[in-house]
Protein backbone atom coordinates (compact mmCIF):
# COMPACT_ATOMS: atom_id res chain seq x y z
CA MET A 1 0.00 0.00 0.00
CA THR A 2 1.51 3.33 -0.99
CA GLN A 3 1.47 6.48 1.12
CA ASN A 4 -1.92 8.26 1.33
CA THR A 5 -3.75 5.34 -0.28
CA ALA A 6 -7.01 4.23 1.32
CA ILE A 7 -8.02 0.57 1.15
CA ALA A 8 -11.28 -0.87 2.46
CA TYR A 9 -11.57 -4.42 3.76
CA ARG A 10 -14.92 -6.20 3.71
CA ALA A 11 -15.55 -9.30 5.84
CA ALA A 12 -17.07 -10.26 9.14
CA MET A 13 -15.37 -8.01 11.75
CA LEU A 14 -14.82 -8.62 15.44
CA ASP A 15 -13.01 -6.82 18.23
CA SER A 16 -13.17 -6.68 22.01
CA LEU A 17 -14.51 -3.66 23.88
CA GLY A 18 -13.54 -4.74 27.38
CA ASP A 19 -13.01 -7.53 29.87
CA PRO A 20 -16.15 -9.69 30.16
CA ALA A 21 -15.37 -10.12 33.86
CA GLU A 22 -15.80 -6.37 34.31
CA ILE A 23 -18.45 -5.28 31.79
CA GLY A 24 -20.32 -8.51 31.14
CA LEU A 25 -20.77 -10.71 28.09
CA THR A 26 -23.40 -8.54 26.43
CA ASP A 27 -21.24 -5.44 26.01
CA CYS A 28 -17.72 -6.85 25.66
CA ILE A 29 -17.72 -7.62 21.91
CA ARG A 30 -18.26 -5.55 18.76
CA TYR A 31 -19.26 -7.69 15.77
CA PHE A 32 -20.33 -6.95 12.22
CA GLU A 33 -21.54 -9.94 10.19
CA ASP A 34 -20.92 -7.93 7.01
CA GLY A 35 -18.37 -5.39 8.11
CA LEU A 36 -16.18 -2.80 6.45
CA MET A 37 -12.91 -1.34 7.71
CA LEU A 38 -11.18 1.57 6.02
CA VAL A 39 -7.39 1.82 6.41
CA GLU A 40 -5.49 5.00 5.58
CA ASN A 41 -1.79 5.69 6.17
CA GLY A 42 -1.35 2.68 8.41
CA LYS A 43 -4.30 3.42 10.68
CA ILE A 44 -7.94 2.42 10.86
CA SER A 45 -10.08 5.39 9.85
CA ALA A 46 -13.57 3.84 9.80
CA LEU A 47 -15.32 0.68 10.97
CA GLY A 48 -18.93 -0.38 10.67
CA ASN A 49 -21.58 -2.22 8.68
CA ALA A 50 -20.60 -2.50 5.02
CA PRO A 51 -23.94 -1.26 3.61
CA ASP A 52 -23.66 1.89 5.76
CA LEU A 53 -20.03 2.70 4.94
CA LEU A 54 -19.80 1.73 1.26
CA PRO A 55 -21.47 4.97 0.02
CA GLN A 56 -19.03 7.02 2.14
CA LEU A 57 -15.80 5.54 0.76
CA PRO A 58 -13.37 7.84 -1.08
CA GLN A 59 -13.81 7.83 -4.84
CA GLY A 60 -11.85 5.02 -6.44
CA CYS A 61 -11.11 3.35 -3.11
CA GLU A 62 -10.00 -0.26 -3.53
CA ILE A 63 -12.15 -2.80 -1.69
CA LYS A 64 -10.73 -6.18 -0.69
CA HIS A 65 -13.51 -8.65 0.05
CA TYR A 66 -13.00 -11.77 2.16
CA PRO A 67 -16.11 -13.98 2.21
CA ASN A 68 -16.05 -16.88 4.67
CA ALA A 69 -13.49 -15.06 6.80
CA LEU A 70 -13.25 -13.00 9.98
CA ILE A 71 -11.05 -9.93 10.47
CA THR A 72 -9.78 -9.34 14.00
CA PRO A 73 -7.00 -7.31 15.59
CA GLY A 74 -3.58 -8.92 15.37
CA PHE A 75 -2.84 -11.26 18.25
CA ILE A 76 -0.64 -10.12 21.14
CA ASP A 77 1.83 -12.47 22.83
CA THR A 78 2.80 -11.14 26.25
CA HIS A 79 5.56 -13.68 26.98
CA ILE A 80 7.83 -15.52 24.57
CA HIS A 81 11.55 -16.41 24.26
CA TYR A 82 12.91 -15.96 20.76
CA PRO A 83 16.25 -17.73 21.52
CA GLN A 84 14.29 -20.88 22.36
CA THR A 85 12.81 -21.20 18.85
CA GLY A 86 15.28 -23.96 17.99
CA MET A 87 14.63 -26.01 21.13
CA ILE A 88 10.83 -26.03 21.09
CA ALA A 89 9.48 -29.55 21.81
CA SER A 90 12.39 -30.66 24.03
CA TYR A 91 11.51 -33.82 25.93
CA GLY A 92 11.03 -34.80 29.50
CA GLU A 93 11.89 -32.15 32.12
CA GLN A 94 10.28 -29.76 34.56
CA LEU A 95 11.32 -26.13 34.83
CA LEU A 96 14.69 -26.09 36.62
CA ASP A 97 16.13 -29.17 34.90
CA TRP A 98 14.71 -27.97 31.58
CA LEU A 99 16.62 -24.70 31.94
CA GLU A 100 19.84 -26.53 32.75
CA ASN A 101 19.63 -29.22 30.07
CA TYR A 102 18.05 -27.40 27.14
CA THR A 103 17.65 -23.64 27.58
CA PHE A 104 21.09 -22.59 28.75
CA PRO A 105 22.97 -24.57 26.07
CA ALA A 106 20.71 -23.12 23.35
CA GLU A 107 21.12 -19.56 24.60
CA GLN A 108 24.93 -19.71 24.61
CA GLN A 109 24.87 -19.69 20.80
CA PHE A 110 23.53 -16.12 20.75
CA ALA A 111 26.92 -14.58 21.38
CA ASP A 112 27.23 -15.07 17.60
CA ARG A 113 25.40 -12.21 15.86
CA GLN A 114 24.96 -14.19 12.64
CA HIS A 115 23.20 -16.97 14.55
CA ALA A 116 21.03 -14.41 16.35
CA ASP A 117 20.08 -12.80 13.02
CA GLU A 118 19.07 -16.14 11.54
CA VAL A 119 16.92 -17.12 14.51
CA ALA A 120 15.34 -13.65 14.73
CA ASP A 121 14.21 -13.97 11.10
CA ILE A 122 12.71 -17.41 11.70
CA PHE A 123 11.07 -16.22 14.93
CA LEU A 124 9.41 -13.14 13.43
CA THR A 125 8.26 -15.10 10.40
CA GLU A 126 6.59 -17.64 12.69
CA LEU A 127 4.85 -14.91 14.68
CA LEU A 128 3.37 -13.35 11.54
CA ARG A 129 2.47 -16.75 10.10
CA ASN A 130 0.42 -17.29 13.26
CA GLY A 131 -1.21 -13.85 13.21
CA THR A 132 0.81 -12.39 16.09
CA THR A 133 1.68 -8.75 15.42
CA THR A 134 3.00 -7.65 18.84
CA ALA A 135 5.08 -9.60 21.36
CA LEU A 136 6.95 -9.11 24.62
CA VAL A 137 10.15 -11.04 24.03
CA PHE A 138 13.08 -12.41 26.02
CA GLY A 139 16.50 -12.15 24.42
CA THR A 140 19.59 -13.73 25.98
CA VAL A 141 22.30 -12.23 28.16
CA HIS A 142 24.11 -11.16 24.98
CA PRO A 143 23.43 -7.63 23.68
CA GLU A 144 23.83 -9.11 20.17
CA SER A 145 20.62 -11.05 20.67
CA VAL A 146 18.63 -7.86 21.24
CA ASP A 147 20.31 -5.96 18.41
CA ALA A 148 19.43 -8.81 16.05
CA LEU A 149 15.76 -9.00 17.06
CA PHE A 150 15.19 -5.25 16.99
CA SER A 151 16.98 -4.87 13.66
CA LYS A 152 14.79 -7.52 12.04
CA ALA A 153 11.62 -6.15 13.68
CA GLU A 154 12.42 -2.62 12.53
CA GLN A 155 12.75 -3.84 8.94
CA ARG A 156 9.20 -5.23 9.16
CA ASN A 157 7.80 -2.23 11.08
CA LEU A 158 6.62 -4.48 13.91
CA ARG A 159 5.65 -3.34 17.38
CA MET A 160 8.02 -5.42 19.48
CA ILE A 161 9.14 -5.16 23.11
CA ALA A 162 12.34 -6.94 24.12
CA GLY A 163 15.36 -6.82 26.37
CA LYS A 164 18.70 -8.32 27.24
CA VAL A 165 18.55 -10.93 30.00
CA MET A 166 20.14 -9.82 33.27
CA MET A 167 21.65 -12.88 34.99
CA ASP A 168 24.67 -12.71 37.29
CA ARG A 169 24.46 -16.00 39.24
CA ASN A 170 23.15 -19.59 39.28
CA ALA A 171 23.75 -20.06 35.56
CA PRO A 172 26.63 -21.24 33.33
CA GLU A 173 29.59 -18.88 33.29
CA ALA A 174 29.11 -18.25 29.56
CA LEU A 175 25.64 -16.86 30.29
CA THR A 176 26.33 -14.71 33.34
CA ASP A 177 27.07 -11.01 33.42
CA THR A 178 27.82 -8.69 36.35
CA PRO A 179 25.46 -6.21 37.98
CA ARG A 180 27.33 -3.18 36.66
CA GLY A 181 28.09 -4.76 33.26
CA SER A 182 24.45 -5.74 32.81
CA TYR A 183 23.34 -2.24 33.74
CA GLU A 184 25.71 -0.62 31.24
CA GLU A 185 24.84 -3.02 28.41
CA SER A 186 21.11 -2.56 29.04
CA LYS A 187 21.54 1.21 29.11
CA ALA A 188 23.32 1.18 25.75
CA LEU A 189 20.54 -0.94 24.23
CA ILE A 190 17.87 1.35 25.67
CA GLU A 191 19.48 4.40 24.14
CA ARG A 192 19.90 2.62 20.81
CA TRP A 193 16.42 1.10 20.46
CA HIS A 194 13.81 2.27 22.98
CA GLY A 195 11.17 4.35 21.22
CA LYS A 196 12.73 3.88 17.79
CA GLY A 197 9.88 3.32 15.36
CA ARG A 198 7.52 0.83 17.00
CA LEU A 199 10.14 -0.70 19.31
CA HIS A 200 10.23 -0.63 23.10
CA TYR A 201 12.78 -1.86 25.61
CA ALA A 202 12.05 -4.19 28.53
CA VAL A 203 14.40 -4.44 31.51
CA THR A 204 14.68 -8.23 31.75
CA PRO A 205 16.04 -9.99 34.84
CA ARG A 206 15.51 -13.67 33.98
CA PHE A 207 14.00 -14.54 37.36
CA ALA A 208 14.90 -13.84 40.95
CA PRO A 209 17.17 -16.89 41.46
CA THR A 210 19.56 -15.81 38.70
CA SER A 211 19.96 -12.19 39.82
CA SER A 212 21.71 -10.90 42.92
CA ALA A 213 20.13 -8.21 45.04
CA GLU A 214 22.60 -5.73 43.56
CA GLN A 215 21.55 -6.59 40.01
CA LEU A 216 17.85 -6.29 40.86
CA ASP A 217 18.55 -2.88 42.42
CA LEU A 218 20.20 -1.74 39.19
CA ALA A 219 17.25 -3.06 37.17
CA GLY A 220 15.01 -0.85 39.28
CA GLN A 221 17.39 2.06 38.72
CA LEU A 222 17.06 1.69 34.95
CA LEU A 223 13.28 1.90 35.24
CA LYS A 224 13.65 5.23 37.03
CA GLU A 225 16.16 6.66 34.57
CA TYR A 226 14.15 6.20 31.36
CA ASP A 227 10.49 6.90 30.62
CA GLY A 228 8.22 4.20 29.23
CA LEU A 229 10.44 1.19 29.86
CA TYR A 230 8.92 -2.23 30.45
CA MET A 231 9.97 -4.77 33.07
CA HIS A 232 9.69 -8.43 32.08
CA THR A 233 10.47 -11.45 34.23
CA HIS A 234 9.11 -14.72 35.64
CA LEU A 235 7.08 -15.24 38.81
CA SER A 236 5.79 -18.26 40.73
CA GLU A 237 5.87 -20.75 37.88
CA ASN A 238 6.97 -23.91 39.66
CA ARG A 239 6.87 -25.09 43.29
CA SER A 240 10.58 -25.99 43.40
CA GLU A 241 11.43 -22.57 41.96
CA ILE A 242 9.37 -20.88 44.69
CA GLU A 243 11.17 -22.80 47.42
CA TRP A 244 14.50 -21.83 45.86
CA VAL A 245 13.51 -18.16 45.97
CA LYS A 246 12.68 -18.49 49.67
CA GLU A 247 16.16 -19.92 50.32
CA LEU A 248 17.90 -17.19 48.32
CA PHE A 249 15.86 -14.28 49.69
CA PRO A 250 14.90 -15.30 53.27
CA GLN A 251 14.44 -11.69 54.30
CA GLN A 252 11.60 -11.10 51.82
CA ASN A 253 7.97 -12.04 52.31
CA GLY A 254 7.52 -14.30 49.29
CA TYR A 255 8.45 -14.32 45.61
CA LEU A 256 6.60 -11.18 44.50
CA ASP A 257 8.00 -9.26 47.46
CA VAL A 258 11.52 -9.85 46.11
CA TYR A 259 10.65 -7.85 43.02
CA ASP A 260 8.61 -5.34 45.01
CA HIS A 261 11.54 -4.73 47.39
CA HIS A 262 13.71 -3.80 44.38
CA GLN A 263 10.98 -1.51 42.95
CA LEU A 264 10.26 -3.61 39.89
CA LEU A 265 6.44 -3.48 40.04
CA GLY A 266 4.55 -0.95 37.93
CA GLU A 267 2.18 -0.26 35.06
CA ARG A 268 4.59 -1.69 32.47
CA SER A 269 5.76 -4.65 34.55
CA VAL A 270 4.75 -8.04 33.15
CA PHE A 271 5.30 -11.20 35.18
CA ALA A 272 5.09 -14.49 33.32
CA HIS A 273 3.08 -17.36 34.83
CA GLY A 274 1.92 -16.45 38.36
CA VAL A 275 0.63 -19.99 38.83
CA TYR A 276 0.98 -19.92 42.63
CA LEU A 277 -0.14 -16.50 43.86
CA CYS A 278 -1.81 -15.69 47.15
CA ASP A 279 -4.55 -13.07 47.49
CA GLU A 280 -2.11 -10.56 48.99
CA GLU A 281 0.17 -10.88 45.96
CA CYS A 282 -2.75 -10.44 43.57
CA ALA A 283 -3.85 -7.36 45.47
CA ARG A 284 -0.34 -5.91 45.23
CA LEU A 285 -0.15 -6.62 41.49
CA SER A 286 -3.46 -4.84 41.03
CA GLU A 287 -2.47 -1.91 43.23
CA THR A 288 0.71 -1.29 41.21
CA GLY A 289 -0.89 -1.86 37.80
CA SER A 290 1.38 -4.82 37.12
CA ALA A 291 0.30 -7.59 34.74
CA ILE A 292 0.47 -11.37 34.51
CA ALA A 293 1.16 -13.29 31.30
CA PHE A 294 -0.98 -16.44 31.38
CA CYS A 295 1.03 -19.22 29.67
CA PRO A 296 -1.19 -22.32 29.66
CA THR A 297 0.70 -24.37 27.08
CA SER A 298 4.07 -24.20 28.83
CA ASN A 299 2.48 -24.63 32.27
CA LEU A 300 1.02 -27.93 31.07
CA PHE A 301 4.09 -28.98 29.07
CA LEU A 302 6.48 -28.51 32.01
CA GLY A 303 3.95 -29.80 34.54
CA SER A 304 4.12 -26.52 36.43
CA GLY A 305 0.49 -26.13 37.48
CA LEU A 306 -2.84 -24.48 36.69
CA PHE A 307 -3.19 -20.69 36.59
CA ASN A 308 -6.07 -19.34 38.67
CA LEU A 309 -7.68 -16.83 36.30
CA PRO A 310 -10.76 -16.19 38.50
CA GLN A 311 -8.46 -15.14 41.36
CA THR A 312 -6.84 -12.47 39.19
CA GLU A 313 -10.27 -11.35 37.97
CA GLN A 314 -11.42 -10.95 41.56
CA HIS A 315 -8.49 -8.61 42.25
CA ARG A 316 -8.68 -6.93 38.82
CA VAL A 317 -5.15 -7.86 37.85
CA LYS A 318 -4.30 -7.18 34.20
CA VAL A 319 -3.79 -10.47 32.35
CA GLY A 320 -2.51 -11.15 28.85
CA LEU A 321 -1.77 -14.40 27.03
CA GLY A 322 1.70 -15.83 26.44
CA THR A 323 2.77 -18.74 24.24
CA ASP A 324 6.07 -18.98 26.19
CA VAL A 325 7.89 -20.64 23.29
CA GLY A 326 10.02 -22.76 23.73
CA ALA A 327 8.42 -24.35 26.81
CA GLY A 328 5.22 -23.52 25.02
CA THR A 329 4.83 -25.87 22.08
CA SER A 330 3.17 -23.58 19.54
CA PHE A 331 3.49 -20.04 18.21
CA SER A 332 -0.26 -20.14 17.62
CA ILE A 333 -2.36 -17.99 19.94
CA LEU A 334 -5.38 -20.05 18.83
CA GLN A 335 -3.73 -23.25 20.04
CA THR A 336 -2.67 -21.47 23.25
CA LEU A 337 -6.32 -20.59 23.88
CA ASN A 338 -7.19 -24.24 23.31
CA GLU A 339 -4.87 -25.09 26.21
CA ALA A 340 -6.19 -22.20 28.33
CA TYR A 341 -9.70 -23.63 28.07
CA LYS A 342 -8.45 -27.00 29.36
CA VAL A 343 -6.54 -25.39 32.23
CA MET A 344 -9.79 -23.76 33.35
CA GLN A 345 -11.80 -26.97 32.86
CA LEU A 346 -9.44 -28.80 35.22
CA GLN A 347 -10.36 -26.21 37.87
CA GLY A 348 -14.11 -26.46 37.25
CA VAL A 349 -14.26 -23.11 35.43
CA ARG A 350 -15.61 -22.49 31.93
CA LEU A 351 -13.49 -20.07 29.91
CA HIS A 352 -15.94 -18.20 27.69
CA PRO A 353 -14.78 -17.61 24.09
CA TYR A 354 -15.29 -13.86 24.52
CA LYS A 355 -12.88 -13.89 27.44
CA SER A 356 -10.41 -15.96 25.44
CA PHE A 357 -10.57 -13.49 22.56
CA TYR A 358 -10.11 -10.60 25.00
CA LEU A 359 -6.95 -12.19 26.44
CA ALA A 360 -5.50 -12.65 22.94
CA THR A 361 -6.14 -9.07 21.81
CA LEU A 362 -7.32 -6.19 23.99
CA GLY A 363 -6.30 -7.90 27.24
CA GLY A 364 -2.75 -8.25 25.96
CA ALA A 365 -2.75 -4.64 24.79
CA ARG A 366 -3.92 -3.47 28.22
CA ALA A 367 -1.29 -5.60 29.94
CA LEU A 368 1.29 -3.76 27.80
CA GLN A 369 -0.31 -0.31 28.23
CA LEU A 370 -0.84 -0.17 24.45
CA ASP A 371 -4.63 -0.42 24.15
CA HIS A 372 -4.76 3.14 22.78
CA GLN A 373 -2.77 1.92 19.77
CA ILE A 374 -3.35 -1.82 19.22
CA GLY A 375 -5.61 -4.69 20.33
CA ASN A 376 -8.83 -3.40 18.77
CA LEU A 377 -10.28 -2.11 15.51
CA GLU A 378 -11.19 1.32 16.84
CA PRO A 379 -10.79 4.15 14.31
CA GLY A 380 -7.47 5.82 15.10
CA SER A 381 -5.80 2.57 16.09
CA GLU A 382 -2.83 1.16 14.21
CA ALA A 383 -3.93 -1.20 11.44
CA ASP A 384 -2.43 -4.43 12.77
CA PHE A 385 -4.99 -7.09 11.88
CA VAL A 386 -5.46 -10.66 10.67
CA VAL A 387 -7.81 -12.39 8.25
CA LEU A 388 -9.00 -15.71 9.69
CA ASP A 389 -10.21 -18.29 7.18
CA TYR A 390 -13.35 -20.16 8.27
CA GLN A 391 -12.60 -22.82 5.65
CA ALA A 392 -8.89 -23.33 6.39
CA THR A 393 -9.26 -27.11 6.77
CA PRO A 394 -11.97 -29.56 5.71
CA LEU A 395 -12.95 -30.17 9.34
CA LEU A 396 -13.13 -26.44 10.14
CA SER A 397 -15.24 -25.82 7.06
CA TYR A 398 -17.65 -28.60 7.98
CA ARG A 399 -17.84 -27.61 11.66
CA MET A 400 -18.33 -23.92 10.87
CA ALA A 401 -21.32 -24.81 8.73
CA GLN A 402 -23.00 -26.13 11.88
CA THR A 403 -22.46 -22.96 13.96
CA ARG A 404 -25.24 -20.52 14.72
CA SER A 405 -23.50 -17.58 16.42
CA ILE A 406 -20.20 -15.71 16.51
CA GLU A 407 -19.73 -17.02 20.04
CA GLU A 408 -19.85 -20.59 18.75
CA ARG A 409 -17.60 -19.76 15.79
CA LEU A 410 -14.98 -18.26 18.10
CA PHE A 411 -14.93 -21.35 20.25
CA VAL A 412 -14.56 -23.64 17.23
CA MET A 413 -11.67 -21.51 15.95
CA MET A 414 -9.96 -21.63 19.34
CA THR A 415 -10.37 -25.38 19.54
CA LEU A 416 -9.70 -26.52 15.96
CA GLY A 417 -7.74 -23.54 14.64
CA ASP A 418 -3.99 -23.11 14.23
CA ASP A 419 -1.57 -21.38 11.84
CA ARG A 420 -3.56 -22.68 8.86
CA MET A 421 -6.43 -20.33 9.78
CA ILE A 422 -4.27 -17.26 9.22
CA LYS A 423 -4.99 -16.24 5.63
CA HIS A 424 -3.30 -12.82 5.83
CA THR A 425 -1.49 -10.76 8.45
CA PHE A 426 -1.29 -6.97 8.14
CA VAL A 427 1.00 -4.59 10.04
CA MET A 428 0.26 -0.85 9.91
CA GLY A 429 -1.99 -1.62 6.94
CA GLU A 430 0.78 -3.38 5.01
CA PRO A 431 0.45 -7.09 4.08
CA VAL A 432 3.30 -8.98 5.79
CA TYR A 433 2.06 -12.56 5.48
CA ASN A 434 0.00 -14.28 2.79
CA ARG A 435 -0.76 -17.96 3.41
CA ASP A 436 -1.46 -18.65 -0.26
C-alpha cells in the first residue's frame, strides 16, 4: 500500500470492547456480520456495517472482500523467548532441569550475531504466520541477541518489546554477566532502540534466582532513569522454583515481594506465569498496575500447574496471554487458547470464548499499556490485523457450517484452529504474510 492510499476491507469483523469479567458478556464484543474497515496511512479510519459505509468511501477506493473469513486485531503475545525457537518440543523435564539441560545450552549460541540474526528472522516469520503482530520477548544475556531482534523487527515495522537478560548467578559462566556490566549493556541498548519506530525496551532480569540483590537494584534504577520502559520477568511458575527463591531471599515475604523490594512493580511490569499466587500478591499486582502473562501451554508442558484466572479477575489484575515458546509448544495464539480452556476446565471453570478473545487481543494490549494503539479495531488505532479463514481445513469448514452464532464460531476456531487459519497478516496496513 503506498502512502496516502485508502483501502477498504470487507468481511465479518470482530473486536473486544472490554473484559467480560468487568463489563459482562453482552457489552464486551463488537461484531459486524458484514463489516467494512477503512485503512489509511497505516491506521484504521472507519469501521462499521458494510452497507452503511460503502457509500461514504473515497472515490476510487480499492475494496478487498474476504467472504467466509473474519477480520480481528492482530494477536498479542505477552511472553515468549525468541532464543528458544530452535529447542521447542524438548523432551522430558520440569522447569529447573529444563533450563539446565536445554535452555542454557541453546542460549549460549547467541553470542554469535549471525546466529542471532538467523533465529530472529525465523522467529518473526513464525509470529506473523500465526497472526501475532506484537510480542513481549526475552533475548539472551548477549546484547547481540537484542540488536538482532530489533533490527529484524524494525525492517518489518513491527511493534516489538524486548530486552537483554540480566543474569549474574546460578547459571553457566558463559551466560552470566555482572550487575554493573548488565546495567551498562542494558543502558546502551535502551538508548539505541527504545522508542525507535515501534520498538520498546524491557528491563529483563531472567527470574529472581539468577539475579543478585545488587543486580535487581540496578534493574530498578534503569526503570527510574528512562520513561516508558517495560519490566519483564518470571514469577511463581513452579513449586521448586518458589522454594528456591525463599532460600535465596529469606528476608523477603515471598516471591513477588523480592521484586517489590527492588521496585520492579509498575504499570509496564509483566510477570510471566503467576501460577501460585496468594490473594495478597494479587492485590499488590493490582495496586501497582502490574500484569500477569498467562502461559497455559508451557504450564502444562512442564507440569508446572494451573493458573487461577478467576483469582486475578477478583483482584482486577491485568492479564494477557503468552505462548512462552520454547516451553510452550506452539506459536499459535489459537492453540494457546485451546490449552487455556483445558486449564480452566481442570479447575471447574468455563473459559468463555469472549474472554479468550479478549486475552489474545485487547487484554494483551492493556497488559502492555498499548490499548490506545493496538488490540482493537477502533478508528485511530494502528492497522495491525489478521484475516481468519473459516474454511482453512476440511474439518473447520464442515464444523463452521453447523455454527449458529459468533460465540460458537470463536470457540470452534480456538479449539480446531492453528496457523492454517491465518490467511493474511497486516502490520500498519501493510500485508506482511500471505498464506497462499
